[in-house]
C-alpha atoms as a PDB file:
ATOM      1  CA  UNK A   1     118.794 125.430 109.859  1.00  0.00           C
ATOM      2  CA  UNK A   2     115.265 126.360 108.840  1.00  0.00           C
ATOM      3  CA  UNK A   3     112.263 124.227 109.753  1.00  0.00           C
ATOM      4  CA  UNK A   4     111.819 123.207 106.113  1.00  0.00           C
ATOM      5  CA  UNK A   5     115.458 122.143 105.781  1.00  0.00           C
ATOM      6  CA  UNK A   6     115.251 120.153 109.012  1.00  0.00           C
ATOM      7  CA  UNK A   7     112.103 118.465 107.731  1.00  0.00           C
ATOM      8  CA  UNK A   8     113.807 117.601 104.459  1.00  0.00           C
ATOM      9  CA  UNK A   9     116.881 116.283 106.260  1.00  0.00           C
ATOM     10  CA  UNK A  10     114.800 114.039 108.520  1.00  0.00           C
ATOM     11  CA  UNK A  11     112.839 112.810 105.522  1.00  0.00           C
ATOM     12  CA  UNK A  12     116.010 112.011 103.565  1.00  0.00           C
ATOM     13  CA  UNK A  13     117.499 110.112 106.515  1.00  0.00           C
ATOM     14  CA  UNK A  14     114.267 108.179 107.025  1.00  0.00           C
ATOM     15  CA  UNK A  15     113.960 107.296 103.347  1.00  0.00           C
ATOM     16  CA  UNK A  16     117.649 106.281 103.146  1.00  0.00           C
ATOM     17  CA  UNK A  17     117.245 103.970 106.137  1.00  0.00           C
ATOM     18  CA  UNK A  18     114.124 102.422 104.655  1.00  0.00           C
ATOM     19  CA  UNK A  19     115.774 102.001 101.272  1.00  0.00           C
ATOM     20  CA  UNK A  20     118.692 100.271 102.941  1.00  0.00           C
ATOM     21  CA  UNK A  21     116.328  97.956 104.800  1.00  0.00           C
ATOM     22  CA  UNK A  22     114.504  97.143 101.566  1.00  0.00           C
ATOM     23  CA  UNK A  23     117.755  96.229  99.817  1.00  0.00           C
ATOM     24  CA  UNK A  24     118.926  94.289 102.832  1.00  0.00           C
ATOM     25  CA  UNK A  25     115.680  92.355 102.951  1.00  0.00           C
ATOM     26  CA  UNK A  26     116.013  91.414  99.287  1.00  0.00           C
ATOM     27  CA  UNK A  27     119.611  90.264  99.690  1.00  0.00           C
ATOM     28  CA  UNK A  28     118.646  88.127 102.674  1.00  0.00           C
ATOM     29  CA  UNK A  29     115.674  86.457 101.046  1.00  0.00           C
ATOM     30  CA  UNK A  30     117.069  85.818  97.558  1.00  0.00           C
ATOM     31  CA  UNK A  31     114.856  85.366  94.541  1.00  0.00           C
ATOM     32  CA  UNK A  32     111.159  86.167  95.042  1.00  0.00           C
ATOM     33  CA  UNK A  33     109.999  83.062  93.231  1.00  0.00           C
ATOM     34  CA  UNK A  34     112.021  80.895  95.609  1.00  0.00           C
ATOM     35  CA  UNK A  35     110.968  82.704  98.782  1.00  0.00           C
ATOM     36  CA  UNK A  36     107.473  84.101  98.252  1.00  0.00           C
ATOM     37  CA  UNK A  37     104.277  82.066  98.457  1.00  0.00           C
ATOM     38  CA  UNK A  38     102.393  82.799  95.238  1.00  0.00           C
ATOM     39  CA  UNK A  39      99.163  81.159  96.405  1.00  0.00           C
ATOM     40  CA  UNK A  40      99.099  83.267  99.535  1.00  0.00           C
ATOM     41  CA  UNK A  41      99.975  86.248  97.335  1.00  0.00           C
ATOM     42  CA  UNK A  42      96.827  85.550  95.307  1.00  0.00           C
ATOM     43  CA  UNK A  43      94.763  86.057  98.460  1.00  0.00           C
ATOM     44  CA  UNK A  44      96.682  89.235  99.315  1.00  0.00           C
ATOM     45  CA  UNK A  45      96.034  90.617  95.827  1.00  0.00           C
ATOM     46  CA  UNK A  46      92.317  90.137  96.445  1.00  0.00           C
ATOM     47  CA  UNK A  47      92.557  91.756  99.873  1.00  0.00           C
ATOM     48  CA  UNK A  48      94.451  94.635  98.261  1.00  0.00           C
ATOM     49  CA  UNK A  49      91.885  95.143  95.515  1.00  0.00           C
ATOM     50  CA  UNK A  50      94.576  95.050  92.800  1.00  0.00           C
ATOM     51  CA  UNK A  51      92.037  94.187  90.104  1.00  0.00           C
ATOM     52  CA  UNK A  52      90.218  97.486  90.610  1.00  0.00           C
ATOM     53  CA  UNK A  53      93.074  99.671  89.360  1.00  0.00           C
ATOM     54  CA  UNK A  54      95.019  97.295  87.144  1.00  0.00           C
ATOM     55  CA  UNK A  55      92.262  95.758  85.000  1.00  0.00           C
ATOM     56  CA  UNK A  56      90.135  97.553  82.420  1.00  0.00           C
ATOM     57  CA  UNK A  57      86.474  97.965  83.279  1.00  0.00           C
ATOM     58  CA  UNK A  58      85.167  95.978  80.321  1.00  0.00           C
ATOM     59  CA  UNK A  59      84.101  92.426  79.572  1.00  0.00           C
ATOM     60  CA  UNK A  60      86.924  89.963  78.871  1.00  0.00           C
ATOM     61  CA  UNK A  61      89.632  92.408  79.979  1.00  0.00           C
ATOM     62  CA  UNK A  62      92.970  90.748  80.739  1.00  0.00           C
ATOM     63  CA  UNK A  63      93.444  90.735  84.527  1.00  0.00           C
ATOM     64  CA  UNK A  64      96.240  92.978  85.799  1.00  0.00           C
ATOM     65  CA  UNK A  65      97.140  94.176  82.273  1.00  0.00           C
ATOM     66  CA  UNK A  66      96.322  97.792  83.164  1.00  0.00           C
ATOM     67  CA  UNK A  67      94.182 100.405  81.469  1.00  0.00           C
ATOM     68  CA  UNK A  68      91.670 101.261  84.200  1.00  0.00           C
ATOM     69  CA  UNK A  69      90.889 104.977  84.202  1.00  0.00           C
ATOM     70  CA  UNK A  70      90.842 106.723  87.583  1.00  0.00           C
ATOM     71  CA  UNK A  71      89.227 110.154  87.382  1.00  0.00           C
ATOM     72  CA  UNK A  72      90.385 112.695  89.967  1.00  0.00           C
ATOM     73  CA  UNK A  73      90.287 116.481  90.419  1.00  0.00           C
ATOM     74  CA  UNK A  74      93.850 116.530  89.036  1.00  0.00           C
ATOM     75  CA  UNK A  75      93.087 114.645  85.845  1.00  0.00           C
ATOM     76  CA  UNK A  76      92.783 111.001  84.837  1.00  0.00           C
ATOM     77  CA  UNK A  77      95.259 108.337  85.884  1.00  0.00           C
ATOM     78  CA  UNK A  78      95.507 104.988  84.105  1.00  0.00           C
ATOM     79  CA  UNK A  79      96.445 101.861  86.008  1.00  0.00           C
ATOM     80  CA  UNK A  80      99.616 100.238  84.651  1.00  0.00           C
ATOM     81  CA  UNK A  81     100.225  96.702  83.415  1.00  0.00           C
ATOM     82  CA  UNK A  82     101.608  94.675  86.341  1.00  0.00           C
ATOM     83  CA  UNK A  83     101.915  91.318  84.597  1.00  0.00           C
ATOM     84  CA  UNK A  84     105.470  89.943  84.136  1.00  0.00           C
ATOM     85  CA  UNK A  85     105.771  90.985  80.495  1.00  0.00           C
ATOM     86  CA  UNK A  86     109.344  92.337  80.042  1.00  0.00           C
ATOM     87  CA  UNK A  87     108.303  95.292  77.868  1.00  0.00           C
ATOM     88  CA  UNK A  88     104.805  96.322  78.972  1.00  0.00           C
ATOM     89  CA  UNK A  89     104.771  94.987  82.522  1.00  0.00           C
ATOM     90  CA  UNK A  90     107.075  94.223  85.450  1.00  0.00           C
ATOM     91  CA  UNK A  91     109.117  91.521  83.753  1.00  0.00           C
ATOM     92  CA  UNK A  92     112.389  93.408  84.105  1.00  0.00           C
ATOM     93  CA  UNK A  93     111.774  94.368  87.713  1.00  0.00           C
ATOM     94  CA  UNK A  94     113.622  92.785  90.605  1.00  0.00           C
ATOM     95  CA  UNK A  95     112.116  92.086  93.982  1.00  0.00           C
ATOM     96  CA  UNK A  96     114.038  95.121  95.257  1.00  0.00           C
ATOM     97  CA  UNK A  97     112.311  97.276  92.627  1.00  0.00           C
ATOM     98  CA  UNK A  98     108.919  96.037  93.803  1.00  0.00           C
ATOM     99  CA  UNK A  99     109.695  96.608  97.471  1.00  0.00           C
ATOM    100  CA  UNK A 100     110.975 100.083  96.680  1.00  0.00           C
ATOM    101  CA  UNK A 101     107.776 100.948  94.832  1.00  0.00           C
ATOM    102  CA  UNK A 102     105.468  99.655  97.548  1.00  0.00           C
ATOM    103  CA  UNK A 103     107.435 100.876 100.553  1.00  0.00           C
ATOM    104  CA  UNK A 104     108.861 104.163  99.270  1.00  0.00           C
ATOM    105  CA  UNK A 105     106.670 105.087  96.284  1.00  0.00           C
ATOM    106  CA  UNK A 106     109.646 105.175  93.915  1.00  0.00           C
ATOM    107  CA  UNK A 107     110.125 103.793  90.410  1.00  0.00           C
ATOM    108  CA  UNK A 108     113.152 101.602  89.616  1.00  0.00           C
ATOM    109  CA  UNK A 109     114.871 104.697  88.176  1.00  0.00           C
ATOM    110  CA  UNK A 110     114.346 106.581  91.449  1.00  0.00           C
ATOM    111  CA  UNK A 111     111.561 108.910  90.263  1.00  0.00           C
ATOM    112  CA  UNK A 112     108.581 109.385  92.554  1.00  0.00           C
ATOM    113  CA  UNK A 113     105.249 107.795  91.732  1.00  0.00           C
ATOM    114  CA  UNK A 114     102.170 109.981  91.732  1.00  0.00           C
ATOM    115  CA  UNK A 115     100.205 109.180  94.923  1.00  0.00           C
ATOM    116  CA  UNK A 116      97.255 107.947  92.870  1.00  0.00           C
ATOM    117  CA  UNK A 117      99.282 104.756  93.319  1.00  0.00           C
ATOM    118  CA  UNK A 118      98.324 104.243  96.979  1.00  0.00           C
ATOM    119  CA  UNK A 119     101.805 103.708  98.371  1.00  0.00           C
ATOM    120  CA  UNK A 120     100.976 105.887 101.410  1.00  0.00           C
ATOM    121  CA  UNK A 121      98.886 102.882 102.461  1.00  0.00           C
ATOM    122  CA  UNK A 122     100.918 100.102 100.847  1.00  0.00           C
ATOM    123  CA  UNK A 123     104.027 101.226 102.725  1.00  0.00           C
ATOM    124  CA  UNK A 124     102.340  99.678 105.784  1.00  0.00           C
ATOM    125  CA  UNK A 125     102.269  96.163 104.274  1.00  0.00           C
ATOM    126  CA  UNK A 126     104.453  93.628 106.090  1.00  0.00           C
ATOM    127  CA  UNK A 127     107.642  92.412 104.412  1.00  0.00           C
ATOM    128  CA  UNK A 128     106.451  88.804 104.209  1.00  0.00           C
ATOM    129  CA  UNK A 129     103.207  89.858 102.550  1.00  0.00           C
ATOM    130  CA  UNK A 130     105.113  91.955 100.017  1.00  0.00           C
ATOM    131  CA  UNK A 131     107.266  88.957  99.113  1.00  0.00           C
ATOM    132  CA  UNK A 132     104.194  86.749  98.684  1.00  0.00           C
ATOM    133  CA  UNK A 133     102.424  89.372  96.601  1.00  0.00           C
ATOM    134  CA  UNK A 134     105.492  89.720  94.389  1.00  0.00           C
ATOM    135  CA  UNK A 135     105.653  85.951  93.911  1.00  0.00           C
ATOM    136  CA  UNK A 136     102.016  85.961  92.805  1.00  0.00           C
ATOM    137  CA  UNK A 137     102.512  88.800  90.336  1.00  0.00           C
ATOM    138  CA  UNK A 138     105.470  86.918  88.864  1.00  0.00           C
ATOM    139  CA  UNK A 139     103.213  83.885  88.342  1.00  0.00           C
ATOM    140  CA  UNK A 140     100.657  85.754  86.190  1.00  0.00           C
ATOM    141  CA  UNK A 141     100.470  85.196  82.434  1.00  0.00           C
ATOM    142  CA  UNK A 142     102.353  88.078  80.763  1.00  0.00           C
ATOM    143  CA  UNK A 143     100.338  90.563  78.744  1.00  0.00           C
ATOM    144  CA  UNK A 144     101.770  92.858  76.089  1.00  0.00           C
ATOM    145  CA  UNK A 145      99.056  95.482  76.572  1.00  0.00           C
ATOM    146  CA  UNK A 146     100.938  98.826  76.500  1.00  0.00           C
ATOM    147  CA  UNK A 147     100.523 101.301  79.311  1.00  0.00           C
ATOM    148  CA  UNK A 148      98.586 104.498  78.750  1.00  0.00           C
ATOM    149  CA  UNK A 149     100.017 107.881  79.736  1.00  0.00           C
ATOM    150  CA  UNK A 150      98.192 109.778  82.474  1.00  0.00           C
ATOM    151  CA  UNK A 151      96.095 112.737  81.374  1.00  0.00           C
ATOM    152  CA  UNK A 152      96.753 115.339  84.089  1.00  0.00           C
ATOM    153  CA  UNK A 153      96.204 119.074  84.315  1.00  0.00           C
ATOM    154  CA  UNK A 154      99.168 121.432  84.707  1.00  0.00           C
ATOM    155  CA  UNK A 155     100.932 121.730  87.118  1.00  0.00           C
ATOM    156  CA  UNK A 156      99.824 118.374  88.580  1.00  0.00           C
ATOM    157  CA  UNK A 157     101.445 116.628  85.623  1.00  0.00           C
ATOM    158  CA  UNK A 158     104.904 117.662  86.879  1.00  0.00           C
ATOM    159  CA  UNK A 159     106.330 114.603  88.610  1.00  0.00           C
ATOM    160  CA  UNK A 160     109.040 116.679  90.269  1.00  0.00           C
ATOM    161  CA  UNK A 161     106.382 118.210  92.533  1.00  0.00           C
ATOM    162  CA  UNK A 162     105.641 114.840  94.124  1.00  0.00           C
ATOM    163  CA  UNK A 163     108.782 115.117  96.265  1.00  0.00           C
ATOM    164  CA  UNK A 164     107.259 118.104  98.053  1.00  0.00           C
ATOM    165  CA  UNK A 165     103.954 116.252  98.422  1.00  0.00           C
ATOM    166  CA  UNK A 166     105.770 113.384 100.095  1.00  0.00           C
ATOM    167  CA  UNK A 167     107.430 115.693 102.587  1.00  0.00           C
ATOM    168  CA  UNK A 168     104.005 116.897 103.650  1.00  0.00           C
ATOM    169  CA  UNK A 169     101.865 113.767 103.524  1.00  0.00           C
ATOM    170  CA  UNK A 170     103.933 110.563 103.286  1.00  0.00           C
ATOM    171  CA  UNK A 171     105.326 108.642 106.256  1.00  0.00           C
ATOM    172  CA  UNK A 172     106.966 105.418 105.011  1.00  0.00           C
ATOM    173  CA  UNK A 173     107.285 102.311 107.139  1.00  0.00           C
ATOM    174  CA  UNK A 174     105.448  99.069 107.969  1.00  0.00           C
ATOM    175  CA  UNK A 175     102.306  98.805 110.088  1.00  0.00           C
ATOM    176  CA  UNK A 176     102.772  98.559 113.843  1.00  0.00           C
ATOM    177  CA  UNK A 177      99.891  97.162 115.862  1.00  0.00           C
ATOM    178  CA  UNK A 178      98.506  98.683 119.054  1.00  0.00           C
ATOM    179  CA  UNK A 179      99.490  96.466 122.017  1.00  0.00           C
ATOM    180  CA  UNK A 180      96.454  97.728 123.923  1.00  0.00           C
ATOM    181  CA  UNK A 181      94.106  96.219 121.325  1.00  0.00           C
ATOM    182  CA  UNK A 182      93.189  92.646 120.577  1.00  0.00           C
ATOM    183  CA  UNK A 183      94.861  90.618 117.843  1.00  0.00           C
ATOM    184  CA  UNK A 184      91.605  90.676 115.882  1.00  0.00           C
ATOM    185  CA  UNK A 185      91.317  94.475 115.980  1.00  0.00           C
ATOM    186  CA  UNK A 186      94.965  94.874 114.971  1.00  0.00           C
ATOM    187  CA  UNK A 187      94.447  92.437 112.112  1.00  0.00           C
ATOM    188  CA  UNK A 188      91.423  94.447 111.033  1.00  0.00           C
ATOM    189  CA  UNK A 189      93.404  97.688 111.223  1.00  0.00           C
ATOM    190  CA  UNK A 190      96.088  96.146 109.018  1.00  0.00           C
ATOM    191  CA  UNK A 191      93.548  94.963 106.453  1.00  0.00           C
ATOM    192  CA  UNK A 192      91.728  98.311 106.360  1.00  0.00           C
ATOM    193  CA  UNK A 193      94.689 100.662 106.510  1.00  0.00           C
ATOM    194  CA  UNK A 194      97.410  98.739 104.645  1.00  0.00           C
ATOM    195  CA  UNK A 195      96.240  96.018 102.279  1.00  0.00           C
ATOM    196  CA  UNK A 196      92.712  97.320 101.715  1.00  0.00           C
ATOM    197  CA  UNK A 197      93.929 100.968 101.584  1.00  0.00           C
ATOM    198  CA  UNK A 198      90.353 102.013 102.416  1.00  0.00           C
ATOM    199  CA  UNK A 199      91.442 105.468 103.516  1.00  0.00           C
ATOM    200  CA  UNK A 200      92.592 106.328  99.994  1.00  0.00           C
ATOM    201  CA  UNK A 201      88.972 106.615  98.854  1.00  0.00           C
ATOM    202  CA  UNK A 202      87.020 107.079 102.085  1.00  0.00           C
ATOM    203  CA  UNK A 203      89.088 109.928 103.570  1.00  0.00           C
ATOM    204  CA  UNK A 204      88.637 113.493 102.219  1.00  0.00           C
ATOM    205  CA  UNK A 205      91.606 115.338 100.726  1.00  0.00           C
ATOM    206  CA  UNK A 206      92.725 118.938 100.525  1.00  0.00           C
ATOM    207  CA  UNK A 207      93.469 120.913  97.364  1.00  0.00           C
ATOM    208  CA  UNK A 208      96.913 119.295  97.154  1.00  0.00           C
ATOM    209  CA  UNK A 209      95.501 115.807  97.377  1.00  0.00           C
ATOM    210  CA  UNK A 210      96.721 115.301 100.928  1.00  0.00           C
ATOM    211  CA  UNK A 211      94.445 113.305 103.253  1.00  0.00           C
ATOM    212  CA  UNK A 212      92.552 115.037 106.042  1.00  0.00           C
ATOM    213  CA  UNK A 213      93.724 112.820 108.900  1.00  0.00           C
ATOM    214  CA  UNK A 214      91.133 114.280 111.265  1.00  0.00           C
ATOM    215  CA  UNK A 215      88.452 112.733 109.062  1.00  0.00           C
ATOM    216  CA  UNK A 216      90.005 109.341 108.473  1.00  0.00           C
ATOM    217  CA  UNK A 217      87.389 107.085 106.826  1.00  0.00           C
ATOM    218  CA  UNK A 218      84.759 109.784 107.362  1.00  0.00           C
ATOM    219  CA  UNK A 219      83.626 109.693 103.730  1.00  0.00           C
ATOM    220  CA  UNK A 220      83.924 112.142 100.859  1.00  0.00           C
ATOM    221  CA  UNK A 221      81.572 114.344  98.876  1.00  0.00           C
ATOM    222  CA  UNK A 222      80.793 113.779  95.222  1.00  0.00           C
ATOM    223  CA  UNK A 223      82.514 116.269  92.925  1.00  0.00           C
ATOM    224  CA  UNK A 224      82.247 117.064  89.223  1.00  0.00           C
ATOM    225  CA  UNK A 225      85.817 115.835  88.617  1.00  0.00           C
ATOM    226  CA  UNK A 226      85.509 112.450  90.327  1.00  0.00           C
ATOM    227  CA  UNK A 227      83.326 109.399  89.924  1.00  0.00           C
ATOM    228  CA  UNK A 228      81.432 110.008  93.141  1.00  0.00           C
ATOM    229  CA  UNK A 229      81.745 110.341  96.878  1.00  0.00           C
ATOM    230  CA  UNK A 230      82.796 107.485  99.143  1.00  0.00           C
ATOM    231  CA  UNK A 231      80.610 106.657 102.169  1.00  0.00           C
ATOM    232  CA  UNK A 232      81.439 107.203 105.818  1.00  0.00           C
ATOM    233  CA  UNK A 233      82.961 104.030 107.313  1.00  0.00           C
ATOM    234  CA  UNK A 234      82.982 105.190 110.926  1.00  0.00           C
ATOM    235  CA  UNK A 235      80.377 103.989 113.457  1.00  0.00           C
ATOM    236  CA  UNK A 236      78.203 107.023 112.640  1.00  0.00           C
ATOM    237  CA  UNK A 237      76.993 105.164 109.574  1.00  0.00           C
ATOM    238  CA  UNK A 238      77.854 101.550 110.325  1.00  0.00           C
ATOM    239  CA  UNK A 239      75.986 101.496 113.634  1.00  0.00           C
ATOM    240  CA  UNK A 240      72.806 101.118 111.596  1.00  0.00           C
ATOM    241  CA  UNK A 241      73.853  97.543 110.845  1.00  0.00           C
ATOM    242  CA  UNK A 242      74.698  94.702 113.184  1.00  0.00           C
ATOM    243  CA  UNK A 243      77.934  92.777 112.727  1.00  0.00           C
ATOM    244  CA  UNK A 244      75.992  90.019 111.023  1.00  0.00           C
ATOM    245  CA  UNK A 245      74.272  92.436 108.644  1.00  0.00           C
ATOM    246  CA  UNK A 246      77.526  94.214 107.844  1.00  0.00           C
ATOM    247  CA  UNK A 247      79.257  90.913 107.171  1.00  0.00           C
ATOM    248  CA  UNK A 248      76.403  89.904 104.860  1.00  0.00           C
ATOM    249  CA  UNK A 249      76.722  93.203 102.997  1.00  0.00           C
ATOM    250  CA  UNK A 250      80.466  92.740 102.522  1.00  0.00           C
ATOM    251  CA  UNK A 251      79.863  89.222 101.232  1.00  0.00           C
ATOM    252  CA  UNK A 252      76.935  89.940  98.911  1.00  0.00           C
ATOM    253  CA  UNK A 253      76.620  93.696  98.352  1.00  0.00           C
ATOM    254  CA  UNK A 254      73.059  93.612  99.698  1.00  0.00           C
ATOM    255  CA  UNK A 255      71.804  95.788 102.556  1.00  0.00           C
ATOM    256  CA  UNK A 256      69.471  94.440 105.263  1.00  0.00           C
ATOM    257  CA  UNK A 257      66.587  95.943 103.257  1.00  0.00           C
ATOM    258  CA  UNK A 258      67.610  94.044 100.156  1.00  0.00           C
ATOM    259  CA  UNK A 259      68.986  97.063  98.277  1.00  0.00           C
ATOM    260  CA  UNK A 260      72.037  96.527  96.089  1.00  0.00           C
ATOM    261  CA  UNK A 261      75.240  98.508  96.514  1.00  0.00           C
ATOM    262  CA  UNK A 262      76.280 100.965  93.803  1.00  0.00           C
ATOM    263  CA  UNK A 263      78.549  99.895  90.941  1.00  0.00           C
ATOM    264  CA  UNK A 264      81.778 100.931  92.642  1.00  0.00           C
ATOM    265  CA  UNK A 265      81.040  99.176  95.917  1.00  0.00           C
ATOM    266  CA  UNK A 266      79.640  96.227  93.995  1.00  0.00           C
ATOM    267  CA  UNK A 267      83.036  95.719  92.386  1.00  0.00           C
ATOM    268  CA  UNK A 268      84.771  95.992  95.769  1.00  0.00           C
ATOM    269  CA  UNK A 269      82.448  93.335  97.160  1.00  0.00           C
ATOM    270  CA  UNK A 270      82.799  91.071  94.133  1.00  0.00           C
ATOM    271  CA  UNK A 271      86.592  91.199  93.851  1.00  0.00           C
ATOM    272  CA  UNK A 272      87.701  91.898  97.420  1.00  0.00           C
ATOM    273  CA  UNK A 273      85.515  91.653 100.499  1.00  0.00           C
ATOM    274  CA  UNK A 274      83.557  88.591  99.332  1.00  0.00           C
ATOM    275  CA  UNK A 275      86.903  86.834  98.767  1.00  0.00           C
ATOM    276  CA  UNK A 276      88.141  87.311 102.328  1.00  0.00           C
ATOM    277  CA  UNK A 277      88.040  84.641 104.994  1.00  0.00           C
ATOM    278  CA  UNK A 278      85.294  84.917 107.642  1.00  0.00           C
ATOM    279  CA  UNK A 279      87.997  85.647 110.213  1.00  0.00           C
ATOM    280  CA  UNK A 280      89.402  88.561 108.211  1.00  0.00           C
ATOM    281  CA  UNK A 281      85.938  90.002 107.583  1.00  0.00           C
ATOM    282  CA  UNK A 282      85.183  89.824 111.293  1.00  0.00           C
ATOM    283  CA  UNK A 283      88.514  91.507 112.063  1.00  0.00           C
ATOM    284  CA  UNK A 284      87.775  94.372 109.668  1.00  0.00           C
ATOM    285  CA  UNK A 285      84.367  94.917 111.230  1.00  0.00           C
ATOM    286  CA  UNK A 286      85.850  94.816 114.734  1.00  0.00           C
ATOM    287  CA  UNK A 287      88.373  97.483 113.782  1.00  0.00           C
ATOM    288  CA  UNK A 288      85.829  99.758 112.095  1.00  0.00           C
ATOM    289  CA  UNK A 289      83.707  99.620 115.260  1.00  0.00           C
ATOM    290  CA  UNK A 290      86.625 101.128 117.221  1.00  0.00           C
ATOM    291  CA  UNK A 291      86.907 104.255 115.074  1.00  0.00           C
ATOM    292  CA  UNK A 292      85.712 107.598 116.448  1.00  0.00           C
ATOM    293  CA  UNK A 293      82.281 108.409 114.947  1.00  0.00           C
ATOM    294  CA  UNK A 294      82.477 111.239 112.411  1.00  0.00           C
ATOM    295  CA  UNK A 295      79.659 113.177 110.773  1.00  0.00           C
ATOM    296  CA  UNK A 296      78.943 112.444 107.121  1.00  0.00           C
ATOM    297  CA  UNK A 297      80.875 114.539 104.606  1.00  0.00           C
ATOM    298  CA  UNK A 298      77.731 116.236 103.346  1.00  0.00           C
ATOM    299  CA  UNK A 299      76.870 117.617 106.770  1.00  0.00           C
END
């Protein structure tokens, strides 16, 4: 058996086992509305930055009704409607459909999602958190705003190619903490890597859109096809601020010198980091301090 066939076989076995666990979890827990904690899910949606991709960037936009444009080197993706509307949103989805999407990156019909949907990070989210997040999404007012088709360049518009991308760059399965690290650092790692999916923007990618794992959170360069580079989150850059200063920045968007963050980071602060508990902010900072320092992307 060739190396590629062995890789595909292992991937199929792994995905089958995970799919079985997802279905088993759903059968054991019953209906999401009865089992999930919607109020806790509201907090998780903030920690996950769901507003940023699923709400239009305009005044009075309906939250979570989709329409946000995400410009990439492969074309423009549009965030979908994730309200419980039965036609435009997730109203016809089951909890199993939601778990399958988040854990395996698959639509209810089995087709692969484009990885602009950050399931390579969301696959790490704990089962209980997924149930709570689902319960919250089910509690939202339904919106009939129709979804907008992605505008992608050929051949990146071919969904069938995503299966090959997954074989190369996707490792499904929930987050596992490091027993050698403190509970706070592990909590911070979970928030940064899973819920916050920080690596999706702050880690550079190759020409196929696969992350450069050797430069995890090392920042990206601005390109003509994207909305701008993401800063380095390793201690190389963050060492310039104390924990107190960094916490203040994540709460207010203001640097120690009084400068405001750019528009993109300002939205992250407004909708996500400023909404986190002091304990979760401290955990994120503690984790980021443990990362290996990497040079800035422009160097």
